[in-house]
C-alpha atoms as a PDB file:
ATOM      1  CA  MET A   1      86.473 131.152  90.698  1.00  0.00           C
ATOM      2  CA  THR A   2      88.406 129.634  87.823  1.00  0.00           C
ATOM      3  CA  PRO A   3      91.771 129.946  89.633  1.00  0.00           C
ATOM      4  CA  PHE A   4      90.416 127.991  92.626  1.00  0.00           C
ATOM      5  CA  ILE A   5      88.912 125.251  90.459  1.00  0.00           C
ATOM      6  CA  THR A   6      92.086 125.054  88.410  1.00  0.00           C
ATOM      7  CA  ALA A   7      94.231 124.856  91.555  1.00  0.00           C
ATOM      8  CA  GLY A   8      92.037 122.125  93.029  1.00  0.00           C
ATOM      9  CA  ALA A   9      91.984 120.147  89.803  1.00  0.00           C
ATOM     10  CA  GLY A  10      95.732 120.597  89.393  1.00  0.00           C
ATOM     11  CA  PHE A  11      96.325 119.271  92.900  1.00  0.00           C
ATOM     12  CA  LEU A  12      94.049 116.278  92.251  1.00  0.00           C
ATOM     13  CA  ALA A  13      95.806 115.586  88.937  1.00  0.00           C
ATOM     14  CA  ALA A  14      99.166 115.611  90.734  1.00  0.00           C
ATOM     15  CA  VAL A  15      97.904 113.158  93.356  1.00  0.00           C
ATOM     16  CA  LEU A  16      96.571 110.874  90.626  1.00  0.00           C
ATOM     17  CA  TRP A  17      99.865 111.096  88.770  1.00  0.00           C
ATOM     18  CA  PHE A  18     101.775 109.963  91.862  1.00  0.00           C
ATOM     19  CA  ASP A  19      99.320 107.110  92.389  1.00  0.00           C
ATOM     20  CA  LEU A  20      99.707 106.062  88.762  1.00  0.00           C
ATOM     21  CA  MET A  21     103.501 105.995  89.092  1.00  0.00           C
ATOM     22  CA  HIS A  22     102.950 103.033  91.409  1.00  0.00           C
ATOM     23  CA  ASP A  23      99.862 101.606  89.719  1.00  0.00           C
ATOM     24  CA  VAL A  24     101.551 101.290  86.323  1.00  0.00           C
ATOM     25  CA  GLN A  25     103.497  98.333  87.700  1.00  0.00           C
ATOM     26  CA  VAL A  26     100.399  96.178  87.134  1.00  0.00           C
ATOM     27  CA  ARG A  27     101.236  96.255  83.439  1.00  0.00           C
ATOM     28  CA  SER A  28     104.340  94.131  84.106  1.00  0.00           C
ATOM     29  CA  GLY A  29     102.268  91.083  85.035  1.00  0.00           C
ATOM     30  CA  SER A  30     100.648  89.162  82.217  1.00  0.00           C
ATOM     31  CA  GLY A  31      99.070  86.341  84.199  1.00  0.00           C
ATOM     32  CA  PRO A  32      96.189  86.459  86.643  1.00  0.00           C
ATOM     33  CA  GLU A  33      98.578  86.990  89.559  1.00  0.00           C
ATOM     34  CA  LEU A  34     101.009  89.869  89.774  1.00  0.00           C
ATOM     35  CA  PRO A  35     104.580  89.132  90.891  1.00  0.00           C
ATOM     36  CA  GLU A  36     105.140  89.473  94.641  1.00  0.00           C
ATOM     37  CA  ALA A  37     107.574  92.354  94.201  1.00  0.00           C
ATOM     38  CA  VAL A  38     104.944  94.321  92.262  1.00  0.00           C
ATOM     39  CA  LEU A  39     102.215  93.628  94.810  1.00  0.00           C
ATOM     40  CA  ALA A  40     104.534  94.514  97.694  1.00  0.00           C
ATOM     41  CA  SER A  41     105.474  97.815  96.071  1.00  0.00           C
ATOM     42  CA  ILE A  42     101.909  98.859  95.216  1.00  0.00           C
ATOM     43  CA  ALA A  43     100.421  97.643  98.502  1.00  0.00           C
ATOM     44  CA  GLY A  44     103.170  99.340 100.512  1.00  0.00           C
ATOM     45  CA  TYR A  45     102.458 102.628  98.776  1.00  0.00           C
ATOM     46  CA  TYR A  46      98.719 102.404  99.436  1.00  0.00           C
ATOM     47  CA  ARG A  47      99.272 101.405 103.056  1.00  0.00           C
ATOM     48  CA  ARG A  48     101.371 104.538 103.533  1.00  0.00           C
ATOM     49  CA  VAL A  49      99.069 106.968 101.736  1.00  0.00           C
ATOM     50  CA  THR A  50      95.697 105.625 102.926  1.00  0.00           C
ATOM     51  CA  THR A  51      96.378 104.356 106.428  1.00  0.00           C
ATOM     52  CA  GLU A  52      99.634 105.744 107.757  1.00  0.00           C
ATOM     53  CA  ALA A  53      99.458 109.275 106.338  1.00  0.00           C
ATOM     54  CA  ASN A  54      96.819 110.720 108.676  1.00  0.00           C
ATOM     55  CA  PRO A  55      96.003 113.569 108.861  1.00  0.00           C
ATOM     56  CA  MET A  56      97.718 114.451 105.548  1.00  0.00           C
ATOM     57  CA  GLY A  57      95.517 112.007 103.640  1.00  0.00           C
ATOM     58  CA  ARG A  58      92.548 114.182 104.488  1.00  0.00           C
ATOM     59  CA  LEU A  59      94.034 116.985 102.410  1.00  0.00           C
ATOM     60  CA  VAL A  60      93.046 115.091  99.266  1.00  0.00           C
ATOM     61  CA  ALA A  61      89.445 114.819 100.497  1.00  0.00           C
ATOM     62  CA  LEU A  62      89.477 118.531 101.329  1.00  0.00           C
ATOM     63  CA  ALA A  63      90.727 119.366  97.816  1.00  0.00           C
ATOM     64  CA  MET A  64      87.955 117.217  96.335  1.00  0.00           C
ATOM     65  CA  LEU A  65      85.270 118.958  98.383  1.00  0.00           C
ATOM     66  CA  ALA A  66      86.681 122.425  97.735  1.00  0.00           C
ATOM     67  CA  THR A  67      86.840 121.804  93.988  1.00  0.00           C
ATOM     68  CA  ILE A  68      83.273 120.487  93.916  1.00  0.00           C
ATOM     69  CA  GLY A  69      82.039 123.387  96.052  1.00  0.00           C
ATOM     70  CA  THR A  70      83.763 126.025  93.958  1.00  0.00           C
ATOM     71  CA  GLU A  71      82.539 124.446  90.725  1.00  0.00           C
ATOM     72  CA  ALA A  72      78.970 124.399  92.116  1.00  0.00           C
ATOM     73  CA  ALA A  73      79.302 128.042  93.178  1.00  0.00           C
ATOM     74  CA  GLN A  74      80.533 128.942  89.696  1.00  0.00           C
ATOM     75  CA  LEU A  75      77.530 127.151  88.197  1.00  0.00           C
ATOM     76  CA  ALA A  76      75.167 129.138  90.412  1.00  0.00           C
ATOM     77  CA  SER A  77      76.774 132.508  89.783  1.00  0.00           C
ATOM     78  CA  SER A  78      77.744 132.632  86.118  1.00  0.00           C
ATOM     79  CA  PRO A  79      74.758 132.349  83.771  1.00  0.00           C
ATOM     80  CA  PRO A  80      76.679 133.046  80.526  1.00  0.00           C
ATOM     81  CA  SER A  81      78.892 129.995  80.968  1.00  0.00           C
ATOM     82  CA  ARG A  82      76.581 127.544  82.716  1.00  0.00           C
ATOM     83  CA  TRP A  83      77.459 124.808  80.254  1.00  0.00           C
ATOM     84  CA  VAL A  84      81.127 125.097  81.283  1.00  0.00           C
ATOM     85  CA  SER A  85      80.266 124.927  84.968  1.00  0.00           C
ATOM     86  CA  GLY A  86      77.751 122.120  84.514  1.00  0.00           C
ATOM     87  CA  LEU A  87      80.177 120.016  82.517  1.00  0.00           C
ATOM     88  CA  GLY A  88      82.966 120.889  84.944  1.00  0.00           C
ATOM     89  CA  LEU A  89      80.864 119.773  87.885  1.00  0.00           C
ATOM     90  CA  ALA A  90      80.186 116.442  86.157  1.00  0.00           C
ATOM     91  CA  LEU A  91      83.897 116.048  85.375  1.00  0.00           C
ATOM     92  CA  VAL A  92      84.842 116.424  89.036  1.00  0.00           C
ATOM     93  CA  LEU A  93      81.880 114.586  90.578  1.00  0.00           C
ATOM     94  CA  GLY A  94      82.533 111.444  88.533  1.00  0.00           C
ATOM     95  CA  PRO A  95      86.069 110.809  89.777  1.00  0.00           C
ATOM     96  CA  VAL A  96      85.290 111.867  93.338  1.00  0.00           C
ATOM     97  CA  THR A  97      82.319 109.524  93.497  1.00  0.00           C
ATOM     98  CA  LEU A  98      84.378 106.691  92.022  1.00  0.00           C
ATOM     99  CA  ALA A  99      87.208 107.363  94.474  1.00  0.00           C
ATOM    100  CA  LEU A 100      84.978 107.427  97.529  1.00  0.00           C
ATOM    101  CA  ALA A 101      82.784 104.488  96.544  1.00  0.00           C
ATOM    102  CA  ARG A 102      85.353 102.116  95.090  1.00  0.00           C
ATOM    103  CA  THR A 103      88.960 103.216  94.589  1.00  0.00           C
ATOM    104  CA  VAL A 104      89.892 104.283  98.117  1.00  0.00           C
ATOM    105  CA  PRO A 105      88.263 101.275  99.832  1.00  0.00           C
ATOM    106  CA  ARG A 106      90.061  98.952  97.413  1.00  0.00           C
ATOM    107  CA  ALA A 107      93.382 100.743  97.917  1.00  0.00           C
ATOM    108  CA  VAL A 108      92.987 100.463 101.715  1.00  0.00           C
ATOM    109  CA  ARG A 109      92.173  96.773 101.370  1.00  0.00           C
ATOM    110  CA  LEU A 110      95.157  96.236  99.076  1.00  0.00           C
ATOM    111  CA  GLY A 111      97.404  98.066 101.539  1.00  0.00           C
ATOM    112  CA  GLY A 112      96.341  95.640 104.271  1.00  0.00           C
ATOM    113  CA  ARG A 113      97.676  92.657 102.274  1.00  0.00           C
ATOM    114  CA  LYS A 114      95.308  90.237 104.005  1.00  0.00           C
ATOM    115  CA  ASP A 115      93.617  88.893 100.882  1.00  0.00           C
ATOM    116  CA  PRO A 116      94.863  86.018  98.716  1.00  0.00           C
ATOM    117  CA  VAL A 117      97.307  86.999  95.974  1.00  0.00           C
ATOM    118  CA  PRO A 118      94.791  86.605  93.116  1.00  0.00           C
ATOM    119  CA  LEU A 119      92.405  89.032  94.834  1.00  0.00           C
ATOM    120  CA  GLN A 120      95.225  91.479  95.607  1.00  0.00           C
ATOM    121  CA  SER A 121      96.144  91.366  91.924  1.00  0.00           C
ATOM    122  CA  ARG A 122      92.563  92.134  90.902  1.00  0.00           C
ATOM    123  CA  LEU A 123      92.407  94.981  93.428  1.00  0.00           C
ATOM    124  CA  ALA A 124      95.661  96.476  92.118  1.00  0.00           C
ATOM    125  CA  ARG A 125      94.442  96.312  88.522  1.00  0.00           C
ATOM    126  CA  SER A 126      91.095  97.830  89.476  1.00  0.00           C
ATOM    127  CA  VAL A 127      92.760 100.737  91.297  1.00  0.00           C
ATOM    128  CA  TYR A 128      94.974 101.322  88.247  1.00  0.00           C
ATOM    129  CA  ARG A 129      91.985 101.435  85.863  1.00  0.00           C
ATOM    130  CA  ASP A 130      90.085 103.757  88.211  1.00  0.00           C
ATOM    131  CA  HIS A 131      93.039 106.126  88.432  1.00  0.00           C
ATOM    132  CA  VAL A 132      93.417 106.266  84.645  1.00  0.00           C
ATOM    133  CA  LEU A 133      89.724 107.176  84.297  1.00  0.00           C
ATOM    134  CA  CYS A 134      89.918 109.738  87.102  1.00  0.00           C
ATOM    135  CA  LEU A 135      93.021 111.385  85.658  1.00  0.00           C
ATOM    136  CA  ALA A 136      91.385 111.669  82.232  1.00  0.00           C
ATOM    137  CA  SER A 137      88.355 113.357  83.772  1.00  0.00           C
ATOM    138  CA  ILE A 138      90.393 115.766  85.913  1.00  0.00           C
ATOM    139  CA  VAL A 139      92.628 116.697  82.960  1.00  0.00           C
ATOM    140  CA  ALA A 140      89.474 117.345  80.920  1.00  0.00           C
ATOM    141  CA  LEU A 141      88.244 119.594  83.757  1.00  0.00           C
ATOM    142  CA  LEU A 142      91.521 121.510  83.660  1.00  0.00           C
ATOM    143  CA  GLY A 143      91.256 121.932  79.902  1.00  0.00           C
ATOM    144  CA  LEU A 144      87.674 123.100  80.200  1.00  0.00           C
ATOM    145  CA  GLN A 145      88.515 125.638  82.901  1.00  0.00           C
ATOM    146  CA  LEU A 146      91.580 126.967  81.148  1.00  0.00           C
ATOM    147  CA  GLY A 147      89.971 127.054  77.712  1.00  0.00           C
ATOM    148  CA  PHE A 148      86.423 128.217  78.352  1.00  0.00           C
ATOM    149  CA  ALA A 149      85.761 129.448  81.898  1.00  0.00           C
ATOM    150  CA  ARG A 150      85.624 133.157  82.626  1.00  0.00           C
END
């Protein structure tokens, strides 16, 4: 099962990396409001990937579910390395829960560009922070799978 978990986590890490290539622009603004060019770039990206990319956007959700399911199956079937599977499940459930509960709704809202600029700036910064946390967790999952799973 390790190859499937590793493939799923690798795919999710790649998606997060692409998101972060846009998100990192929030670091260019030092005040409470991001420059319009930065907001337009980030919001345009999230409009495309969250709203306009159907049905391809569902592939990310499918990868999340498949990775969780395979990690849970590994936990149930491999008693010698339960700690690896248990920790791995936590490392994937955290980012997926964060994405579904907060990051994706905020990215969709940001992509709509209907909120005042200060709120759009806060949304962009929040999505950036979430993606950094999620990437760290998914990279840790990859390291765990490659270093300790059987």
